[in-house]
């Protein structure tokens, strides 16, 4: 198969992270991505794998969002 000029094959690594927030699932996801971006370079995709809640005494006290993050793998 012929390659188009200017394109290259790439490999991506996927890691799982969990963000937490007292505000919302969206905020928990944002916290996870922004924190991971501090040590992972070239983040590409964040996929929500699972969302859950921490409950204490019948009240929601925290939102947790589990994400699968992909970034370009460099050997």
N, C-alpha and C. Protein backbone atom coordinates (compact mmCIF):
# COMPACT_ATOMS: atom_id res chain seq x y z
N UNK A 1 0.84 -1.17 0.00
CA UNK A 1 0.00 0.00 0.00
C UNK A 1 0.90 1.24 0.00
N UNK A 2 0.64 2.17 -0.85
CA UNK A 2 1.45 3.39 -0.95
C UNK A 2 1.09 4.35 0.18
N UNK A 3 2.14 5.00 0.71
CA UNK A 3 1.94 6.02 1.74
C UNK A 3 1.76 7.38 1.09
N UNK A 4 0.94 8.19 1.71
CA UNK A 4 0.85 9.58 1.27
C UNK A 4 2.08 10.32 1.77
N UNK A 5 2.58 11.23 0.99
CA UNK A 5 3.76 11.96 1.43
C UNK A 5 3.41 12.82 2.64
N UNK A 6 4.36 12.90 3.59
CA UNK A 6 4.15 13.73 4.78
C UNK A 6 3.46 12.99 5.92
N UNK A 7 3.07 11.73 5.72
CA UNK A 7 2.47 10.99 6.81
C UNK A 7 3.45 9.96 7.32
N UNK A 8 3.30 9.61 8.59
CA UNK A 8 4.16 8.58 9.15
C UNK A 8 3.32 7.69 10.04
N UNK A 9 3.76 6.46 10.18
CA UNK A 9 3.07 5.54 11.08
C UNK A 9 3.38 5.95 12.51
N UNK A 10 2.42 5.75 13.41
CA UNK A 10 2.59 6.15 14.80
C UNK A 10 2.13 5.03 15.72
N UNK A 11 2.64 5.07 16.93
CA UNK A 11 2.23 4.15 17.98
C UNK A 11 1.77 5.00 19.15
N UNK A 12 0.66 4.61 19.77
CA UNK A 12 0.13 5.33 20.91
C UNK A 12 0.04 4.41 22.11
N UNK A 13 0.31 4.95 23.27
CA UNK A 13 0.20 4.21 24.52
C UNK A 13 -1.07 4.70 25.22
N UNK A 14 -1.74 3.79 25.93
CA UNK A 14 -2.95 4.13 26.67
C UNK A 14 -2.71 3.86 28.15
N UNK A 15 -3.04 4.84 28.98
CA UNK A 15 -2.94 4.68 30.42
C UNK A 15 -4.30 5.03 31.03
N UNK A 16 -4.55 4.48 32.19
CA UNK A 16 -5.81 4.76 32.87
C UNK A 16 -5.54 5.64 34.08
N UNK A 17 -6.34 6.69 34.23
CA UNK A 17 -6.22 7.59 35.36
C UNK A 17 -7.62 7.83 35.94
N UNK A 18 -7.67 8.21 37.19
CA UNK A 18 -8.94 8.52 37.85
C UNK A 18 -8.83 9.91 38.45
N UNK A 19 -9.76 10.78 38.07
CA UNK A 19 -9.83 12.12 38.64
C UNK A 19 -10.99 12.20 39.62
N UNK A 20 -10.82 13.02 40.64
CA UNK A 20 -11.89 13.20 41.62
C UNK A 20 -12.23 14.68 41.77
N UNK A 21 -13.48 14.94 42.14
CA UNK A 21 -13.94 16.31 42.33
C UNK A 21 -15.14 16.30 43.27
N UNK A 22 -15.32 17.37 43.99
CA UNK A 22 -16.52 17.52 44.81
C UNK A 22 -17.62 18.24 44.03
N UNK A 23 -17.31 18.67 42.79
CA UNK A 23 -18.26 19.45 41.99
C UNK A 23 -19.07 18.62 40.99
N UNK A 24 -18.34 17.83 40.13
CA UNK A 24 -19.03 17.12 39.04
C UNK A 24 -18.11 16.09 38.40
N UNK A 25 -18.73 15.20 37.60
CA UNK A 25 -17.94 14.24 36.83
C UNK A 25 -17.06 14.95 35.81
N UNK A 26 -17.61 16.00 35.20
CA UNK A 26 -16.84 16.75 34.21
C UNK A 26 -15.61 17.38 34.84
N UNK A 27 -15.78 17.93 36.03
CA UNK A 27 -14.64 18.53 36.72
C UNK A 27 -13.62 17.47 37.10
N UNK A 28 -14.08 16.29 37.51
CA UNK A 28 -13.17 15.20 37.82
C UNK A 28 -12.36 14.79 36.59
N UNK A 29 -13.00 14.76 35.43
CA UNK A 29 -12.30 14.43 34.19
C UNK A 29 -11.27 15.50 33.85
N UNK A 30 -11.64 16.75 34.02
CA UNK A 30 -10.72 17.87 33.74
C UNK A 30 -9.50 17.78 34.65
N UNK A 31 -9.72 17.52 35.93
CA UNK A 31 -8.62 17.39 36.89
C UNK A 31 -7.68 16.26 36.46
N UNK A 32 -8.23 15.14 36.05
CA UNK A 32 -7.41 14.00 35.63
C UNK A 32 -6.55 14.35 34.42
N UNK A 33 -7.16 14.97 33.42
CA UNK A 33 -6.43 15.31 32.18
C UNK A 33 -5.35 16.35 32.47
N UNK A 34 -5.70 17.40 33.19
CA UNK A 34 -4.74 18.47 33.46
C UNK A 34 -3.57 17.97 34.32
N UNK A 35 -3.86 17.10 35.27
CA UNK A 35 -2.80 16.56 36.11
C UNK A 35 -1.89 15.63 35.29
N UNK A 36 -2.49 14.75 34.50
CA UNK A 36 -1.70 13.83 33.66
C UNK A 36 -0.86 14.59 32.65
N UNK A 37 -1.37 15.69 32.14
CA UNK A 37 -0.64 16.48 31.14
C UNK A 37 0.66 17.05 31.71
N UNK A 38 0.76 17.11 33.03
CA UNK A 38 1.99 17.59 33.65
C UNK A 38 3.15 16.62 33.50
N UNK A 39 2.85 15.33 33.30
CA UNK A 39 3.94 14.36 33.16
C UNK A 39 3.89 13.56 31.86
N UNK A 40 2.78 13.59 31.15
CA UNK A 40 2.67 12.89 29.88
C UNK A 40 2.69 13.90 28.74
N UNK A 41 3.52 13.65 27.75
CA UNK A 41 3.60 14.58 26.62
C UNK A 41 2.70 14.12 25.48
N UNK A 42 2.20 15.09 24.76
CA UNK A 42 1.48 14.83 23.52
C UNK A 42 0.22 13.98 23.74
N UNK A 43 -0.58 14.35 24.77
CA UNK A 43 -1.85 13.66 24.97
C UNK A 43 -2.73 13.85 23.75
N UNK A 44 -3.45 12.80 23.34
CA UNK A 44 -4.26 12.87 22.14
C UNK A 44 -5.75 12.70 22.40
N UNK A 45 -6.11 11.66 23.15
CA UNK A 45 -7.52 11.32 23.34
C UNK A 45 -7.75 10.99 24.81
N UNK A 46 -8.88 11.42 25.34
CA UNK A 46 -9.32 11.02 26.68
C UNK A 46 -10.69 10.38 26.52
N UNK A 47 -10.78 9.12 26.90
CA UNK A 47 -12.04 8.38 26.78
C UNK A 47 -12.55 8.05 28.18
N UNK A 48 -13.80 8.41 28.46
CA UNK A 48 -14.38 8.10 29.76
C UNK A 48 -14.70 6.61 29.80
N UNK A 49 -14.10 5.93 30.78
CA UNK A 49 -14.31 4.49 30.92
C UNK A 49 -15.39 4.19 31.96
N UNK A 50 -15.45 5.04 33.01
CA UNK A 50 -16.39 4.77 34.08
C UNK A 50 -16.57 6.03 34.93
N UNK A 51 -17.76 6.21 35.45
CA UNK A 51 -18.02 7.29 36.39
C UNK A 51 -18.69 6.69 37.62
N UNK A 52 -18.26 7.15 38.79
CA UNK A 52 -18.93 6.70 40.00
C UNK A 52 -18.92 7.81 41.04
N UNK A 53 -19.59 7.55 42.15
CA UNK A 53 -19.75 8.53 43.21
C UNK A 53 -19.26 7.97 44.52
N UNK A 54 -18.75 8.84 45.36
CA UNK A 54 -18.45 8.46 46.74
C UNK A 54 -19.61 8.99 47.58
N UNK A 55 -20.19 8.10 48.39
CA UNK A 55 -21.36 8.46 49.19
C UNK A 55 -21.02 8.28 50.67
N UNK A 56 -21.35 9.29 51.46
CA UNK A 56 -21.19 9.21 52.91
C UNK A 56 -22.48 9.68 53.57
N UNK A 57 -23.00 8.89 54.49
CA UNK A 57 -24.23 9.23 55.21
C UNK A 57 -25.37 9.59 54.26
N UNK A 58 -25.46 8.87 53.16
CA UNK A 58 -26.54 9.07 52.21
C UNK A 58 -26.40 10.29 51.32
N UNK A 59 -25.24 10.95 51.34
CA UNK A 59 -25.02 12.14 50.51
C UNK A 59 -23.79 11.96 49.63
N UNK A 60 -23.88 12.49 48.43
CA UNK A 60 -22.75 12.46 47.49
C UNK A 60 -21.68 13.43 47.99
N UNK A 61 -20.48 12.90 48.20
CA UNK A 61 -19.38 13.75 48.67
C UNK A 61 -18.27 13.91 47.62
N UNK A 62 -18.26 13.05 46.61
CA UNK A 62 -17.24 13.18 45.57
C UNK A 62 -17.67 12.45 44.30
N UNK A 63 -17.24 13.01 43.18
CA UNK A 63 -17.45 12.42 41.85
C UNK A 63 -16.11 11.87 41.39
N UNK A 64 -16.12 10.68 40.80
CA UNK A 64 -14.90 10.09 40.27
C UNK A 64 -15.11 9.72 38.80
N UNK A 65 -14.15 10.11 37.98
CA UNK A 65 -14.21 9.78 36.56
C UNK A 65 -12.93 9.03 36.18
N UNK A 66 -13.12 7.82 35.65
CA UNK A 66 -11.99 7.01 35.20
C UNK A 66 -11.84 7.24 33.70
N UNK A 67 -10.63 7.61 33.30
CA UNK A 67 -10.35 7.93 31.89
C UNK A 67 -9.24 7.03 31.36
N UNK A 68 -9.32 6.74 30.09
CA UNK A 68 -8.21 6.12 29.37
C UNK A 68 -7.62 7.22 28.50
N UNK A 69 -6.38 7.55 28.76
CA UNK A 69 -5.68 8.61 28.03
C UNK A 69 -4.71 7.99 27.04
N UNK A 70 -4.68 8.52 25.84
CA UNK A 70 -3.70 8.03 24.87
C UNK A 70 -2.75 9.16 24.52
N UNK A 71 -1.48 8.77 24.34
CA UNK A 71 -0.46 9.72 23.96
C UNK A 71 0.51 9.04 23.02
N UNK A 72 1.18 9.83 22.22
CA UNK A 72 2.10 9.30 21.23
C UNK A 72 3.31 8.68 21.92
N UNK A 73 3.59 7.44 21.57
CA UNK A 73 4.69 6.69 22.16
C UNK A 73 5.98 6.98 21.42
N UNK A 74 7.00 7.34 22.17
CA UNK A 74 8.30 7.58 21.57
C UNK A 74 9.30 6.66 22.23
N UNK A 75 9.97 5.85 21.43
CA UNK A 75 10.96 4.89 21.96
C UNK A 75 12.24 5.60 22.37
